[in-house]
């Protein structure tokens, strides 16, 4: 019996569901509520009023990474206040704090020049080398913290961040997982910094890790610790990013496409032949 295309059993017709995008492990629009942003803004303004410029810069820089379109409302007086704190860090020779504050300011406004003297740059380089050469690579995450901030300030410099450094950081990351590390933000801090410095590195971040981070985010919300909330949310966005790139304008994140809406997931009904 020859095949007749006009004699099709309609009961055999099936609709193939197109491949869906996976649910994003973290999405700013989904996971940070309007109420969260109100509290974040209130905490930021409290730091501004109290002239706690280091905390203010930290909050604003992290908020900008979460939402690059956010109005930061940084006027000249506020900028000068942050510059004053930067100078104080240099005077105290606290180079990790200096690098972090300078990086926050660059993130806030990459068009403005950050006053980093040759002496300060040399001191940061020497401290980074001492972490590396002294085999205290990640005892308290000091190395990766300073290295990341310096890399963001000077994207074209490598600062000796070679493959051996990467392997050392990844080994530390695995040690944290094997030891059932109970402070999720430290694990995430290290993982996100590895991803910034080595954007092509393969990291083992599984669903249980994401569950711990979501719990951490929820805990900070419940405790109204908004600076920590913004910090861990920023880290989660970096870890969820499809691509991370350091440019002269700061950190650029390319996020994966979101899961298709229900409307787009439903294919058109195939034409049914009349019999």
Protein backbone atom coordinates (compact mmCIF):
# COMPACT_ATOMS: atom_id res chain seq x y z
CA UNK A 1 0.00 0.00 0.00
CA UNK A 2 1.51 3.30 -1.09
CA UNK A 3 1.82 6.26 1.26
CA UNK A 4 -0.83 8.91 0.77
CA UNK A 5 0.06 12.23 2.48
CA UNK A 6 -3.62 13.21 2.46
CA UNK A 7 -4.51 10.22 4.67
CA UNK A 8 -2.84 11.29 7.93
CA UNK A 9 -4.07 10.04 11.25
CA UNK A 10 -4.60 13.24 13.24
CA UNK A 11 -4.16 11.27 16.48
CA UNK A 12 -0.53 10.76 15.55
CA UNK A 13 0.13 14.46 15.24
CA UNK A 14 2.24 15.79 18.11
CA UNK A 15 3.50 19.20 19.07
CA UNK A 16 7.19 19.31 19.81
CA UNK A 17 8.02 21.75 22.58
CA UNK A 18 10.97 23.96 21.66
CA UNK A 19 14.05 23.89 23.85
CA UNK A 20 13.64 26.34 26.71
CA UNK A 21 16.23 28.57 28.23
CA UNK A 22 17.18 27.35 31.69
CA UNK A 23 15.91 29.30 34.66
CA UNK A 24 18.59 31.81 35.66
CA UNK A 25 20.12 31.00 39.05
CA UNK A 26 20.00 34.71 39.87
CA UNK A 27 18.12 37.55 38.21
CA UNK A 28 18.18 41.09 39.59
CA UNK A 29 14.66 41.92 38.40
CA UNK A 30 13.26 38.70 39.85
CA UNK A 31 15.25 38.38 43.07
CA UNK A 32 15.56 41.98 44.27
CA UNK A 33 12.20 43.51 45.05
CA UNK A 34 11.03 47.10 44.92
CA UNK A 35 10.93 47.05 48.72
CA UNK A 36 14.55 45.86 48.79
CA UNK A 37 15.63 48.81 46.65
CA UNK A 38 13.81 51.23 48.95
CA UNK A 39 15.75 49.88 51.93
CA UNK A 40 19.02 49.87 49.96
CA UNK A 41 18.51 53.51 49.01
CA UNK A 42 17.64 54.44 52.60
CA UNK A 43 20.82 52.80 53.89
CA UNK A 44 22.89 54.54 51.22
CA UNK A 45 21.47 57.93 52.11
CA UNK A 46 22.11 57.27 55.80
CA UNK A 47 25.79 56.71 55.01
CA UNK A 48 25.83 59.93 52.98
CA UNK A 49 24.26 61.91 55.83
CA UNK A 50 26.75 60.49 58.33
CA UNK A 51 29.64 61.10 55.89
CA UNK A 52 30.64 57.43 56.10
CA UNK A 53 32.16 57.63 52.65
CA UNK A 54 33.81 54.19 52.51
CA UNK A 55 30.48 52.48 53.24
CA UNK A 56 28.66 54.88 50.94
CA UNK A 57 31.01 54.12 48.03
CA UNK A 58 30.70 50.39 48.67
CA UNK A 59 26.90 50.55 48.59
CA UNK A 60 26.74 52.74 45.50
CA UNK A 61 29.33 50.79 43.49
CA UNK A 62 27.61 47.47 44.20
CA UNK A 63 24.21 48.98 43.39
CA UNK A 64 25.54 50.20 40.05
CA UNK A 65 26.82 46.74 39.14
CA UNK A 66 23.39 45.34 39.98
CA UNK A 67 21.62 48.07 38.01
CA UNK A 68 23.87 50.02 35.62
CA UNK A 69 20.98 52.40 34.85
CA UNK A 70 20.49 53.39 38.48
CA UNK A 71 20.67 57.12 39.27
CA UNK A 72 23.57 57.32 41.72
CA UNK A 73 23.06 60.97 42.70
CA UNK A 74 26.76 61.59 43.38
CA UNK A 75 27.40 65.33 43.49
CA UNK A 76 30.71 67.18 43.91
CA UNK A 77 30.46 67.29 47.70
CA UNK A 78 29.89 63.53 47.82
CA UNK A 79 32.77 62.84 45.45
CA UNK A 80 35.09 65.05 47.48
CA UNK A 81 34.06 63.16 50.61
CA UNK A 82 35.05 59.88 48.98
CA UNK A 83 38.34 61.42 47.86
CA UNK A 84 39.02 62.40 51.46
CA UNK A 85 38.55 58.79 52.62
CA UNK A 86 40.83 57.61 49.82
CA UNK A 87 43.54 59.98 51.00
CA UNK A 88 43.12 58.76 54.58
CA UNK A 89 43.65 55.16 53.45
CA UNK A 90 46.84 56.20 51.69
CA UNK A 91 48.07 58.04 54.78
CA UNK A 92 47.45 54.94 56.91
CA UNK A 93 49.12 52.80 54.23
CA UNK A 94 46.15 50.46 54.28
CA UNK A 95 46.63 49.36 50.70
CA UNK A 96 43.82 46.81 50.51
CA UNK A 97 41.35 49.42 51.74
CA UNK A 98 42.90 52.00 49.40
CA UNK A 99 42.57 49.70 46.38
CA UNK A 100 39.01 48.74 47.25
CA UNK A 101 37.91 52.35 47.73
CA UNK A 102 39.62 53.47 44.52
CA UNK A 103 37.95 50.62 42.62
CA UNK A 104 34.54 51.57 44.02
CA UNK A 105 35.05 55.16 42.91
CA UNK A 106 36.07 54.08 39.43
CA UNK A 107 32.97 51.89 39.24
CA UNK A 108 30.80 54.81 40.32
CA UNK A 109 32.24 57.22 37.72
CA UNK A 110 34.87 55.83 35.31
CA UNK A 111 35.08 59.21 33.55
CA UNK A 112 36.78 60.80 36.57
CA UNK A 113 40.46 60.39 37.28
CA UNK A 114 41.25 58.58 40.52
CA UNK A 115 44.33 60.16 42.15
CA UNK A 116 46.70 57.22 42.63
CA UNK A 117 50.28 58.29 43.08
CA UNK A 118 53.26 56.30 41.86
CA UNK A 119 54.14 55.64 45.48
CA UNK A 120 50.70 54.18 46.18
CA UNK A 121 50.78 52.00 43.06
CA UNK A 122 54.23 50.66 43.95
CA UNK A 123 53.09 49.91 47.49
CA UNK A 124 50.06 47.97 46.25
CA UNK A 125 52.24 45.99 43.85
CA UNK A 126 54.70 45.17 46.63
CA UNK A 127 51.92 44.01 48.95
CA UNK A 128 50.44 41.83 46.24
CA UNK A 129 53.86 40.29 45.61
CA UNK A 130 54.31 39.61 49.30
CA UNK A 131 51.05 37.64 49.41
CA UNK A 132 52.11 35.65 46.37
CA UNK A 133 55.75 35.04 47.24
CA UNK A 134 55.02 34.37 50.90
CA UNK A 135 52.79 31.40 50.06
CA UNK A 136 49.85 32.88 51.95
CA UNK A 137 47.80 32.90 48.80
CA UNK A 138 44.28 32.78 50.20
CA UNK A 139 44.51 32.48 53.97
CA UNK A 140 42.02 35.29 54.45
CA UNK A 141 41.25 36.04 50.80
CA UNK A 142 43.60 39.05 51.02
CA UNK A 143 45.44 38.18 47.84
CA UNK A 144 42.38 37.74 45.64
CA UNK A 145 40.78 40.88 47.09
CA UNK A 146 43.77 43.09 46.36
CA UNK A 147 44.49 41.43 43.00
CA UNK A 148 40.92 41.93 41.75
CA UNK A 149 40.75 45.56 42.77
CA UNK A 150 44.12 46.32 41.18
CA UNK A 151 43.10 44.51 37.99
CA UNK A 152 39.93 46.58 37.80
CA UNK A 153 41.92 49.77 38.30
CA UNK A 154 44.54 48.75 35.72
CA UNK A 155 42.88 46.34 33.24
CA UNK A 156 45.91 46.09 30.96
CA UNK A 157 48.30 44.93 33.71
CA UNK A 158 48.61 41.25 34.58
CA UNK A 159 50.24 41.65 38.03
CA UNK A 160 51.70 38.15 37.72
CA UNK A 161 48.25 36.54 37.70
CA UNK A 162 49.35 33.42 35.85
CA UNK A 163 48.00 29.88 35.54
CA UNK A 164 49.63 28.80 38.80
CA UNK A 165 47.73 31.54 40.61
CA UNK A 166 44.49 30.33 39.03
CA UNK A 167 45.09 26.73 40.06
CA UNK A 168 45.85 27.81 43.62
CA UNK A 169 42.60 29.75 43.82
CA UNK A 170 40.56 26.90 42.33
CA UNK A 171 42.10 24.45 44.80
CA UNK A 172 41.09 26.74 47.64
CA UNK A 173 37.59 26.91 46.23
CA UNK A 174 37.37 23.12 46.17
CA UNK A 175 38.71 22.91 49.71
CA UNK A 176 35.88 25.16 50.85
CA UNK A 177 33.34 22.87 49.18
CA UNK A 178 34.87 19.70 50.63
CA UNK A 179 34.97 21.20 54.12
CA UNK A 180 31.26 22.07 53.85
CA UNK A 181 32.17 25.71 54.35
CA UNK A 182 29.32 27.28 56.27
CA UNK A 183 29.85 30.89 55.26
CA UNK A 184 28.48 31.02 51.75
CA UNK A 185 29.60 34.59 51.12
CA UNK A 186 33.28 33.69 51.48
CA UNK A 187 32.95 30.87 48.96
CA UNK A 188 31.04 33.15 46.61
CA UNK A 189 33.48 36.02 47.16
CA UNK A 190 36.39 33.84 46.04
CA UNK A 191 34.49 32.33 43.12
CA UNK A 192 33.34 35.71 41.80
CA UNK A 193 36.82 37.19 42.07
CA UNK A 194 38.29 34.25 40.17
CA UNK A 195 35.70 34.86 37.46
CA UNK A 196 36.67 38.54 37.24
CA UNK A 197 40.42 37.93 37.06
CA UNK A 198 40.18 34.78 34.91
CA UNK A 199 36.98 35.19 32.88
CA UNK A 200 37.58 31.97 30.90
CA UNK A 201 38.10 29.77 33.96
CA UNK A 202 35.67 26.89 34.47
CA UNK A 203 34.19 27.00 37.97
CA UNK A 204 32.18 24.28 39.67
CA UNK A 205 29.17 26.17 41.02
CA UNK A 206 26.36 23.68 41.49
CA UNK A 207 22.74 23.98 42.58
CA UNK A 208 23.58 23.34 46.24
CA UNK A 209 25.97 26.31 46.12
CA UNK A 210 23.23 28.48 44.64
CA UNK A 211 20.81 27.30 47.34
CA UNK A 212 23.26 28.43 50.04
CA UNK A 213 23.63 31.80 48.36
CA UNK A 214 19.88 32.28 48.10
CA UNK A 215 19.56 31.43 51.78
CA UNK A 216 22.30 33.95 52.56
CA UNK A 217 20.52 36.65 50.55
CA UNK A 218 17.25 35.91 52.33
CA UNK A 219 18.95 35.99 55.72
CA UNK A 220 20.46 39.43 55.08
CA UNK A 221 17.07 40.69 53.96
CA UNK A 222 15.38 39.37 57.08
CA UNK A 223 18.09 40.87 59.29
CA UNK A 224 17.93 44.16 57.36
CA UNK A 225 21.67 44.08 56.76
CA UNK A 226 21.42 45.94 53.49
CA UNK A 227 25.11 46.51 52.83
CA UNK A 228 25.76 42.78 53.07
CA UNK A 229 22.60 42.13 51.06
CA UNK A 230 23.81 44.30 48.17
CA UNK A 231 27.28 42.78 48.34
CA UNK A 232 26.11 39.17 48.10
CA UNK A 233 23.57 40.09 45.40
CA UNK A 234 26.35 41.70 43.34
CA UNK A 235 28.45 38.56 43.74
CA UNK A 236 25.53 36.37 42.65
CA UNK A 237 25.04 38.47 39.53
CA UNK A 238 28.72 38.06 38.62
CA UNK A 239 28.53 34.29 39.13
CA UNK A 240 25.35 34.10 37.03
CA UNK A 241 26.86 36.17 34.20
CA UNK A 242 27.49 34.52 30.86
CA UNK A 243 30.51 36.75 30.25
CA UNK A 244 32.62 38.94 32.52
CA UNK A 245 34.97 41.57 31.15
CA UNK A 246 37.12 44.27 32.72
CA UNK A 247 37.37 47.41 30.62
CA UNK A 248 38.52 50.99 31.14
CA UNK A 249 34.90 51.69 32.10
CA UNK A 250 34.88 49.09 34.83
CA UNK A 251 33.18 45.70 35.08
CA UNK A 252 30.97 44.70 32.16
CA UNK A 253 28.62 41.74 32.62
CA UNK A 254 26.78 39.95 29.84
CA UNK A 255 23.86 38.11 31.35
CA UNK A 256 22.28 34.96 29.85
CA UNK A 257 18.97 35.28 28.10
CA UNK A 258 16.04 34.92 30.41
CA UNK A 259 13.69 31.98 30.23
CA UNK A 260 11.21 32.47 27.39
CA UNK A 261 7.77 33.66 28.36
CA UNK A 262 4.89 31.22 28.23
CA UNK A 263 3.55 32.96 25.15
CA UNK A 264 6.76 32.48 23.18
CA UNK A 265 7.18 28.91 24.44
CA UNK A 266 3.87 27.77 22.92
CA UNK A 267 4.35 27.01 19.21
CA UNK A 268 1.59 27.70 16.71
CA UNK A 269 -0.92 24.86 16.24
CA UNK A 270 -0.03 22.97 13.07
CA UNK A 271 -2.36 23.15 10.16
CA UNK A 272 -4.88 20.28 10.24
CA UNK A 273 -5.90 18.87 6.90
CA UNK A 274 -9.58 18.37 6.19
CA UNK A 275 -10.66 14.84 5.49
